[in-house]
Amino acid sequence: MTSEVSADGYYVLDRHAVVTVWLEGITDLELADFSVQNVIGGLDVKAHGGGFRVTLWPIYGVGGYIDAERVSLSLEPGKPGDLANHAEA
């Protein structure tokens, strides 16, 4: 976020990134309140039981955890719409 304010009165954001979380070997999960719009306030990844636990902290919609053998993250600069042609099938 910059200190610049747009004509609409919002702070100008200039460093967007798309974060992709890959989970392999899912061993357990507990998710609740999945909705058409899901907003999380945080995402934790911690070692757990020989693998990892990804915890989703909800603001609105889905929350819970997913346990997996392997977890990887990737970051790409830009907004989701900017990367539409880069999606993998």
PDB file of N, CA and C in Angstrom:
ATOM      1  N   MET A   1       0.856  -1.166   0.000  1.00  0.00           N
ATOM      2  CA  MET A   1       0.000   0.000   0.000  1.00  0.00           C
ATOM      3  C   MET A   1       0.903   1.230   0.000  1.00  0.00           C
ATOM      4  N   THR A   2       0.474   2.216  -0.744  1.00  0.00           N
ATOM      5  CA  THR A   2       1.231   3.471  -0.776  1.00  0.00           C
ATOM      6  C   THR A   2       0.524   4.505   0.102  1.00  0.00           C
ATOM      7  N   SER A   3       1.136   5.656   0.251  1.00  0.00           N
ATOM      8  CA  SER A   3       0.485   6.737   0.994  1.00  0.00           C
ATOM      9  C   SER A   3      -0.435   7.551   0.084  1.00  0.00           C
ATOM     10  N   GLU A   4      -0.443   7.243  -1.208  1.00  0.00           N
ATOM     11  CA  GLU A   4      -1.285   7.936  -2.192  1.00  0.00           C
ATOM     12  C   GLU A   4      -2.739   7.485  -2.039  1.00  0.00           C
ATOM     13  N   VAL A   5      -3.672   8.434  -2.186  1.00  0.00           N
ATOM     14  CA  VAL A   5      -5.101   8.139  -2.088  1.00  0.00           C
ATOM     15  C   VAL A   5      -5.734   8.364  -3.454  1.00  0.00           C
ATOM     16  N   SER A   6      -6.571   7.408  -3.893  1.00  0.00           N
ATOM     17  CA  SER A   6      -7.233   7.504  -5.196  1.00  0.00           C
ATOM     18  C   SER A   6      -8.376   8.518  -5.143  1.00  0.00           C
ATOM     19  N   ALA A   7      -8.961   8.813  -6.305  1.00  0.00           N
ATOM     20  CA  ALA A   7     -10.097   9.731  -6.382  1.00  0.00           C
ATOM     21  C   ALA A   7     -11.289   9.194  -5.594  1.00  0.00           C
ATOM     22  N   ASP A   8     -11.368   7.871  -5.432  1.00  0.00           N
ATOM     23  CA  ASP A   8     -12.457   7.245  -4.666  1.00  0.00           C
ATOM     24  C   ASP A   8     -12.209   7.275  -3.163  1.00  0.00           C
ATOM     25  N   GLY A   9     -11.030   7.757  -2.747  1.00  0.00           N
ATOM     26  CA  GLY A   9     -10.725   7.843  -1.324  1.00  0.00           C
ATOM     27  C   GLY A   9     -10.054   6.611  -0.737  1.00  0.00           C
ATOM     28  N   TYR A  10      -9.573   5.694  -1.603  1.00  0.00           N
ATOM     29  CA  TYR A  10      -8.894   4.484  -1.126  1.00  0.00           C
ATOM     30  C   TYR A  10      -7.391   4.618  -1.327  1.00  0.00           C
ATOM     31  N   TYR A  11      -6.633   3.959  -0.454  1.00  0.00           N
ATOM     32  CA  TYR A  11      -5.188   3.931  -0.644  1.00  0.00           C
ATOM     33  C   TYR A  11      -4.868   3.187  -1.937  1.00  0.00           C
ATOM     34  N   VAL A  12      -3.860   3.663  -2.648  1.00  0.00           N
ATOM     35  CA  VAL A  12      -3.436   3.031  -3.900  1.00  0.00           C
ATOM     36  C   VAL A  12      -2.526   1.852  -3.563  1.00  0.00           C
ATOM     37  N   LEU A  13      -2.868   0.696  -4.101  1.00  0.00           N
ATOM     38  CA  LEU A  13      -2.068  -0.515  -3.907  1.00  0.00           C
ATOM     39  C   LEU A  13      -1.197  -0.699  -5.142  1.00  0.00           C
ATOM     40  N   ASP A  14       0.102  -0.981  -4.938  1.00  0.00           N
ATOM     41  CA  ASP A  14       0.997  -1.054  -6.095  1.00  0.00           C
ATOM     42  C   ASP A  14       1.836  -2.327  -6.172  1.00  0.00           C
ATOM     43  N   ARG A  15       1.671  -3.250  -5.259  1.00  0.00           N
ATOM     44  CA  ARG A  15       2.481  -4.469  -5.268  1.00  0.00           C
ATOM     45  C   ARG A  15       1.601  -5.695  -5.098  1.00  0.00           C
ATOM     46  N   HIS A  16       0.849  -5.980  -6.132  1.00  0.00           N
ATOM     47  CA  HIS A  16      -0.056  -7.119  -6.100  1.00  0.00           C
ATOM     48  C   HIS A  16       0.710  -8.408  -6.383  1.00  0.00           C
ATOM     49  N   ALA A  17       0.234  -9.499  -5.806  1.00  0.00           N
ATOM     50  CA  ALA A  17       0.826 -10.808  -6.070  1.00  0.00           C
ATOM     51  C   ALA A  17      -0.256 -11.872  -5.973  1.00  0.00           C
ATOM     52  N   VAL A  18      -0.125 -12.892  -6.806  1.00  0.00           N
ATOM     53  CA  VAL A  18      -1.001 -14.054  -6.736  1.00  0.00           C
ATOM     54  C   VAL A  18      -0.215 -15.155  -6.039  1.00  0.00           C
ATOM     55  N   VAL A  19      -0.775 -15.677  -4.948  1.00  0.00           N
ATOM     56  CA  VAL A  19      -0.132 -16.731  -4.176  1.00  0.00           C
ATOM     57  C   VAL A  19      -0.875 -18.032  -4.464  1.00  0.00           C
ATOM     58  N   THR A  20      -0.141 -19.051  -4.889  1.00  0.00           N
ATOM     59  CA  THR A  20      -0.725 -20.365  -5.141  1.00  0.00           C
ATOM     60  C   THR A  20      -0.186 -21.338  -4.100  1.00  0.00           C
ATOM     61  N   VAL A  21      -1.099 -22.065  -3.462  1.00  0.00           N
ATOM     62  CA  VAL A  21      -0.734 -23.061  -2.459  1.00  0.00           C
ATOM     63  C   VAL A  21      -1.017 -24.433  -3.055  1.00  0.00           C
ATOM     64  N   TRP A  22       0.010 -25.280  -3.140  1.00  0.00           N
ATOM     65  CA  TRP A  22      -0.125 -26.640  -3.653  1.00  0.00           C
ATOM     66  C   TRP A  22      -0.046 -27.613  -2.494  1.00  0.00           C
ATOM     67  N   LEU A  23      -1.029 -28.496  -2.395  1.00  0.00           N
ATOM     68  CA  LEU A  23      -1.067 -29.505  -1.341  1.00  0.00           C
ATOM     69  C   LEU A  23      -0.997 -30.877  -2.001  1.00  0.00           C
ATOM     70  N   GLU A  24      -0.068 -31.707  -1.564  1.00  0.00           N
ATOM     71  CA  GLU A  24       0.066 -33.061  -2.096  1.00  0.00           C
ATOM     72  C   GLU A  24      -0.040 -34.065  -0.965  1.00  0.00           C
ATOM     73  N   GLY A  25      -0.709 -35.167  -1.222  1.00  0.00           N
ATOM     74  CA  GLY A  25      -0.854 -36.205  -0.216  1.00  0.00           C
ATOM     75  C   GLY A  25      -1.705 -35.757   0.950  1.00  0.00           C
ATOM     76  N   ILE A  26      -2.898 -35.271   0.677  1.00  0.00           N
ATOM     77  CA  ILE A  26      -3.790 -34.818   1.747  1.00  0.00           C
ATOM     78  C   ILE A  26      -4.167 -36.010   2.620  1.00  0.00           C
ATOM     79  N   THR A  27      -3.959 -35.852   3.928  1.00  0.00           N
ATOM     80  CA  THR A  27      -4.225 -36.952   4.865  1.00  0.00           C
ATOM     81  C   THR A  27      -5.431 -36.693   5.757  1.00  0.00           C
ATOM     82  N   ASP A  28      -5.814 -35.431   5.920  1.00  0.00           N
ATOM     83  CA  ASP A  28      -6.965 -35.097   6.762  1.00  0.00           C
ATOM     84  C   ASP A  28      -7.389 -33.674   6.435  1.00  0.00           C
ATOM     85  N   LEU A  29      -8.664 -33.396   6.639  1.00  0.00           N
ATOM     86  CA  LEU A  29      -9.117 -32.015   6.501  1.00  0.00           C
ATOM     87  C   LEU A  29     -10.403 -31.816   7.275  1.00  0.00           C
ATOM     88  N   GLU A  30     -10.591 -30.593   7.675  1.00  0.00           N
ATOM     89  CA  GLU A  30     -11.826 -30.173   8.320  1.00  0.00           C
ATOM     90  C   GLU A  30     -12.098 -28.747   7.883  1.00  0.00           C
ATOM     91  N   LEU A  31     -13.092 -28.575   7.025  1.00  0.00           N
ATOM     92  CA  LEU A  31     -13.463 -27.259   6.520  1.00  0.00           C
ATOM     93  C   LEU A  31     -14.932 -27.026   6.833  1.00  0.00           C
ATOM     94  N   ALA A  32     -15.276 -25.813   7.182  1.00  0.00           N
ATOM     95  CA  ALA A  32     -16.662 -25.477   7.510  1.00  0.00           C
ATOM     96  C   ALA A  32     -17.033 -24.143   6.892  1.00  0.00           C
ATOM     97  N   ASP A  33     -18.319 -23.971   6.639  1.00  0.00           N
ATOM     98  CA  ASP A  33     -18.903 -22.697   6.200  1.00  0.00           C
ATOM     99  C   ASP A  33     -18.440 -22.242   4.830  1.00  0.00           C
ATOM    100  N   PHE A  34     -18.142 -23.194   3.924  1.00  0.00           N
ATOM    101  CA  PHE A  34     -17.764 -22.819   2.559  1.00  0.00           C
ATOM    102  C   PHE A  34     -18.913 -22.059   1.925  1.00  0.00           C
ATOM    103  N   SER A  35     -18.607 -20.986   1.215  1.00  0.00           N
ATOM    104  CA  SER A  35     -19.605 -20.087   0.655  1.00  0.00           C
ATOM    105  C   SER A  35     -19.220 -19.710  -0.772  1.00  0.00           C
ATOM    106  N   VAL A  36     -20.085 -18.970  -1.449  1.00  0.00           N
ATOM    107  CA  VAL A  36     -19.744 -18.493  -2.786  1.00  0.00           C
ATOM    108  C   VAL A  36     -18.670 -17.422  -2.725  1.00  0.00           C
ATOM    109  N   GLN A  37     -18.557 -16.754  -1.578  1.00  0.00           N
ATOM    110  CA  GLN A  37     -17.487 -15.791  -1.356  1.00  0.00           C
ATOM    111  C   GLN A  37     -16.806 -16.166  -0.047  1.00  0.00           C
ATOM    112  N   ASN A  38     -15.513 -16.430  -0.097  1.00  0.00           N
ATOM    113  CA  ASN A  38     -14.766 -16.837   1.087  1.00  0.00           C
ATOM    114  C   ASN A  38     -13.612 -15.873   1.310  1.00  0.00           C
ATOM    115  N   VAL A  39     -13.542 -15.342   2.516  1.00  0.00           N
ATOM    116  CA  VAL A  39     -12.499 -14.383   2.866  1.00  0.00           C
ATOM    117  C   VAL A  39     -11.783 -14.919   4.095  1.00  0.00           C
ATOM    118  N   ILE A  40     -10.463 -15.087   3.984  1.00  0.00           N
ATOM    119  CA  ILE A  40      -9.697 -15.528   5.144  1.00  0.00           C
ATOM    120  C   ILE A  40      -8.874 -14.364   5.674  1.00  0.00           C
ATOM    121  N   GLY A  41      -8.685 -14.373   6.980  1.00  0.00           N
ATOM    122  CA  GLY A  41      -7.880 -13.335   7.625  1.00  0.00           C
ATOM    123  C   GLY A  41      -6.440 -13.756   7.793  1.00  0.00           C
ATOM    124  N   GLY A  42      -6.195 -15.053   7.604  1.00  0.00           N
ATOM    125  CA  GLY A  42      -4.840 -15.549   7.738  1.00  0.00           C
ATOM    126  C   GLY A  42      -4.744 -16.983   7.273  1.00  0.00           C
ATOM    127  N   LEU A  43      -3.537 -17.388   6.968  1.00  0.00           N
ATOM    128  CA  LEU A  43      -3.241 -18.747   6.544  1.00  0.00           C
ATOM    129  C   LEU A  43      -1.925 -19.133   7.194  1.00  0.00           C
ATOM    130  N   ASP A  44      -1.955 -20.195   8.002  1.00  0.00           N
ATOM    131  CA  ASP A  44      -0.744 -20.682   8.671  1.00  0.00           C
ATOM    132  C   ASP A  44      -0.330 -22.001   8.056  1.00  0.00           C
ATOM    133  N   VAL A  45       0.967 -22.207   7.910  1.00  0.00           N
ATOM    134  CA  VAL A  45       1.516 -23.503   7.501  1.00  0.00           C
ATOM    135  C   VAL A  45       2.527 -23.899   8.566  1.00  0.00           C
ATOM    136  N   LYS A  46       2.257 -25.044   9.212  1.00  0.00           N
ATOM    137  CA  LYS A  46       3.139 -25.508  10.285  1.00  0.00           C
ATOM    138  C   LYS A  46       3.382 -27.001  10.143  1.00  0.00           C
ATOM    139  N   ALA A  47       4.556 -27.448  10.597  1.00  0.00           N
ATOM    140  CA  ALA A  47       4.849 -28.880  10.628  1.00  0.00           C
ATOM    141  C   ALA A  47       3.836 -29.557  11.544  1.00  0.00           C
ATOM    142  N   HIS A  48       3.369 -30.740  11.101  1.00  0.00           N
ATOM    143  CA  HIS A  48       2.345 -31.436  11.880  1.00  0.00           C
ATOM    144  C   HIS A  48       2.338 -32.923  11.520  1.00  0.00           C
ATOM    145  N   GLY A  49       2.622 -33.778  12.483  1.00  0.00           N
ATOM    146  CA  GLY A  49       2.494 -35.216  12.302  1.00  0.00           C
ATOM    147  C   GLY A  49       3.256 -35.799  11.120  1.00  0.00           C
ATOM    148  N   GLY A  50       4.467 -35.399  10.885  1.00  0.00           N
ATOM    149  CA  GLY A  50       5.250 -35.917   9.766  1.00  0.00           C
ATOM    150  C   GLY A  50       4.957 -35.229   8.446  1.00  0.00           C
ATOM    151  N   GLY A  51       4.064 -34.262   8.445  1.00  0.00           N
ATOM    152  CA  GLY A  51       3.728 -33.485   7.249  1.00  0.00           C
ATOM    153  C   GLY A  51       3.517 -32.038   7.645  1.00  0.00           C
ATOM    154  N   PHE A  52       2.447 -31.467   7.126  1.00  0.00           N
ATOM    155  CA  PHE A  52       2.157 -30.064   7.389  1.00  0.00           C
ATOM    156  C   PHE A  52       0.670 -29.866   7.602  1.00  0.00           C
ATOM    157  N   ARG A  53       0.329 -28.846   8.395  1.00  0.00           N
ATOM    158  CA  ARG A  53      -1.063 -28.442   8.560  1.00  0.00           C
ATOM    159  C   ARG A  53      -1.203 -27.017   8.047  1.00  0.00           C
ATOM    160  N   VAL A  54      -2.135 -26.830   7.117  1.00  0.00           N
ATOM    161  CA  VAL A  54      -2.481 -25.508   6.606  1.00  0.00           C
ATOM    162  C   VAL A  54      -3.790 -25.111   7.287  1.00  0.00           C
ATOM    163  N   THR A  55      -3.752 -24.038   8.052  1.00  0.00           N
ATOM    164  CA  THR A  55      -4.935 -23.571   8.758  1.00  0.00           C
ATOM    165  C   THR A  55      -5.446 -22.304   8.090  1.00  0.00           C
ATOM    166  N   LEU A  56      -6.742 -22.277   7.791  1.00  0.00           N
ATOM    167  CA  LEU A  56      -7.410 -21.114   7.202  1.00  0.00           C
ATOM    168  C   LEU A  56      -8.201 -20.425   8.304  1.00  0.00           C
ATOM    169  N   TRP A  57      -7.871 -19.172   8.591  1.00  0.00           N
ATOM    170  CA  TRP A  57      -8.551 -18.401   9.618  1.00  0.00           C
ATOM    171  C   TRP A  57      -9.617 -17.547   8.943  1.00  0.00           C
ATOM    172  N   PRO A  58     -10.897 -17.850   9.189  1.00  0.00           N
ATOM    173  CA  PRO A  58     -11.960 -17.188   8.428  1.00  0.00           C
ATOM    174  C   PRO A  58     -12.308 -15.783   8.911  1.00  0.00           C
ATOM    175  N   ILE A  59     -12.691 -14.966   7.959  1.00  0.00           N
ATOM    176  CA  ILE A  59     -13.376 -13.703   8.231  1.00  0.00           C
ATOM    177  C   ILE A  59     -14.831 -13.875   7.804  1.00  0.00           C
ATOM    178  N   TYR A  60     -15.007 -14.405   6.605  1.00  0.00           N
ATOM    179  CA  TYR A  60     -16.343 -14.697   6.079  1.00  0.00           C
ATOM    180  C   TYR A  60     -16.236 -15.958   5.232  1.00  0.00           C
ATOM    181  N   GLY A  61     -17.024 -16.955   5.545  1.00  0.00           N
ATOM    182  CA  GLY A  61     -17.001 -18.190   4.768  1.00  0.00           C
ATOM    183  C   GLY A  61     -16.065 -19.219   5.366  1.00  0.00           C
ATOM    184  N   VAL A  62     -15.336 -19.875   4.498  1.00  0.00           N
ATOM    185  CA  VAL A  62     -14.588 -21.084   4.857  1.00  0.00           C
ATOM    186  C   VAL A  62     -13.505 -20.846   5.911  1.00  0.00           C
ATOM    187  N   GLY A  63     -13.380 -21.837   6.780  1.00  0.00           N
ATOM    188  CA  GLY A  63     -12.321 -21.873   7.766  1.00  0.00           C
ATOM    189  C   GLY A  63     -12.045 -23.322   8.122  1.00  0.00           C
ATOM    190  N   GLY A  64     -10.902 -23.588   8.699  1.00  0.00           N
ATOM    191  CA  GLY A  64     -10.566 -24.947   9.112  1.00  0.00           C
ATOM    192  C   GLY A  64      -9.117 -25.262   8.826  1.00  0.00           C
ATOM    193  N   TYR A  65      -8.848 -26.565   8.581  1.00  0.00           N
ATOM    194  CA  TYR A  65      -7.468 -26.974   8.325  1.00  0.00           C
ATOM    195  C   TYR A  65      -7.416 -28.080   7.278  1.00  0.00           C
ATOM    196  N   ILE A  66      -6.238 -28.214   6.678  1.00  0.00           N
ATOM    197  CA  ILE A  66      -5.933 -29.304   5.747  1.00  0.00           C
ATOM    198  C   ILE A  66      -4.559 -29.832   6.114  1.00  0.00           C
ATOM    199  N   ASP A  67      -4.463 -31.138   6.354  1.00  0.00           N
ATOM    200  CA  ASP A  67      -3.179 -31.788   6.614  1.00  0.00           C
ATOM    201  C   ASP A  67      -2.695 -32.441   5.331  1.00  0.00           C
ATOM    202  N   ALA A  68      -1.426 -32.259   5.004  1.00  0.00           N
ATOM    203  CA  ALA A  68      -0.874 -32.819   3.778  1.00  0.00           C
ATOM    204  C   ALA A  68       0.576 -33.244   3.999  1.00  0.00           C
ATOM    205  N   GLU A  69       1.014 -34.202   3.183  1.00  0.00           N
ATOM    206  CA  GLU A  69       2.398 -34.664   3.261  1.00  0.00           C
ATOM    207  C   GLU A  69       3.374 -33.601   2.767  1.00  0.00           C
ATOM    208  N   ARG A  70       2.974 -32.863   1.721  1.00  0.00           N
ATOM    209  CA  ARG A  70       3.832 -31.833   1.136  1.00  0.00           C
ATOM    210  C   ARG A  70       3.016 -30.573   0.841  1.00  0.00           C
ATOM    211  N   VAL A  71       3.629 -29.420   1.084  1.00  0.00           N
ATOM    212  CA  VAL A  71       3.010 -28.131   0.806  1.00  0.00           C
ATOM    213  C   VAL A  71       4.039 -27.266   0.104  1.00  0.00           C
ATOM    214  N   SER A  72       3.629 -26.611  -0.972  1.00  0.00           N
ATOM    215  CA  SER A  72       4.523 -25.652  -1.620  1.00  0.00           C
ATOM    216  C   SER A  72       3.730 -24.395  -1.954  1.00  0.00           C
ATOM    217  N   LEU A  73       4.444 -23.276  -2.002  1.00  0.00           N
ATOM    218  CA  LEU A  73       3.853 -21.973  -2.293  1.00  0.00           C
ATOM    219  C   LEU A  73       4.576 -21.352  -3.467  1.00  0.00           C
ATOM    220  N   SER A  74       3.834 -20.654  -4.308  1.00  0.00           N
ATOM    221  CA  SER A  74       4.483 -19.866  -5.355  1.00  0.00           C
ATOM    222  C   SER A  74       3.875 -18.470  -5.357  1.00  0.00           C
ATOM    223  N   LEU A  75       4.683 -17.496  -5.722  1.00  0.00           N
ATOM    224  CA  LEU A  75       4.263 -16.099  -5.806  1.00  0.00           C
ATOM    225  C   LEU A  75       4.523 -15.598  -7.214  1.00  0.00           C
ATOM    226  N   GLU A  76       3.522 -14.932  -7.795  1.00  0.00           N
ATOM    227  CA  GLU A  76       3.710 -14.301  -9.094  1.00  0.00           C
ATOM    228  C   GLU A  76       3.224 -12.865  -8.989  1.00  0.00           C
ATOM    229  N   PRO A  77       4.022 -11.912  -9.452  1.00  0.00           N
ATOM    230  CA  PRO A  77       3.586 -10.521  -9.407  1.00  0.00           C
ATOM    231  C   PRO A  77       2.355 -10.319 -10.285  1.00  0.00           C
ATOM    232  N   GLY A  78       1.468  -9.453  -9.850  1.00  0.00           N
ATOM    233  CA  GLY A  78       0.288  -9.129 -10.641  1.00  0.00           C
ATOM    234  C   GLY A  78      -0.989  -9.465  -9.914  1.00  0.00           C
ATOM    235  N   LYS A  79      -2.109  -9.147 -10.563  1.00  0.00           N
ATOM    236  CA  LYS A  79      -3.436  -9.440 -10.037  1.00  0.00           C
ATOM    237  C   LYS A  79      -3.932 -10.730 -10.670  1.00  0.00           C
ATOM    238  N   PRO A  80      -4.924 -11.399 -10.078  1.00  0.00           N
ATOM    239  CA  PRO A  80      -5.422 -12.653 -10.648  1.00  0.00           C
ATOM    240  C   PRO A  80      -5.828 -12.537 -12.117  1.00  0.00           C
ATOM    241  N   GLY A  81      -6.481 -11.476 -12.507  1.00  0.00           N
ATOM    242  CA  GLY A  81      -6.882 -11.295 -13.908  1.00  0.00           C
ATOM    243  C   GLY A  81      -5.698 -11.192 -14.855  1.00  0.00           C
ATOM    244  N   ASP A  82      -4.584 -10.663 -14.372  1.00  0.00           N
ATOM    245  CA  ASP A  82      -3.374 -10.530 -15.186  1.00  0.00           C
ATOM    246  C   ASP A  82      -2.772 -11.880 -15.521  1.00  0.00           C
ATOM    247  N   LEU A  83      -3.061 -12.901 -14.705  1.00  0.00           N
ATOM    248  CA  LEU A  83      -2.436 -14.210 -14.849  1.00  0.00           C
ATOM    249  C   LEU A  83      -3.372 -15.245 -15.453  1.00  0.00           C
ATOM    250  N   ALA A  84      -4.521 -14.842 -15.960  1.00  0.00           N
ATOM    251  CA  ALA A  84      -5.524 -15.785 -16.458  1.00  0.00           C
ATOM    252  C   ALA A  84      -4.958 -16.708 -17.533  1.00  0.00           C
ATOM    253  N   ASN A  85      -4.065 -16.229 -18.358  1.00  0.00           N
ATOM    254  CA  ASN A  85      -3.495 -17.055 -19.428  1.00  0.00           C
ATOM    255  C   ASN A  85      -2.397 -17.986 -18.940  1.00  0.00           C
ATOM    256  N   HIS A  86      -1.994 -17.861 -17.683  1.00  0.00           N
ATOM    257  CA  HIS A  86      -0.920 -18.687 -17.130  1.00  0.00           C
ATOM    258  C   HIS A  86      -1.429 -19.860 -16.318  1.00  0.00           C
ATOM    259  N   ALA A  87      -2.750 -19.978 -16.190  1.00  0.00           N
ATOM    260  CA  ALA A  87      -3.315 -21.055 -15.350  1.00  0.00           C
ATOM    261  C   ALA A  87      -2.994 -22.416 -15.935  1.00  0.00           C
ATOM    262  N   GLU A  88      -2.705 -23.357 -15.040  1.00  0.00           N
ATOM    263  CA  GLU A  88      -2.436 -24.731 -15.467  1.00  0.00           C
ATOM    264  C   GLU A  88      -3.710 -25.527 -15.360  1.00  0.00           C
ATOM    265  N   ALA A  89      -3.880 -26.487 -16.274  1.00  0.00           N
ATOM    266  CA  ALA A  89      -5.069 -27.348 -16.245  1.00  0.00           C
ATOM    267  C   ALA A  89      -4.875 -28.453 -15.239  1.00  0.00           C
TER     268      ALA A  89
END
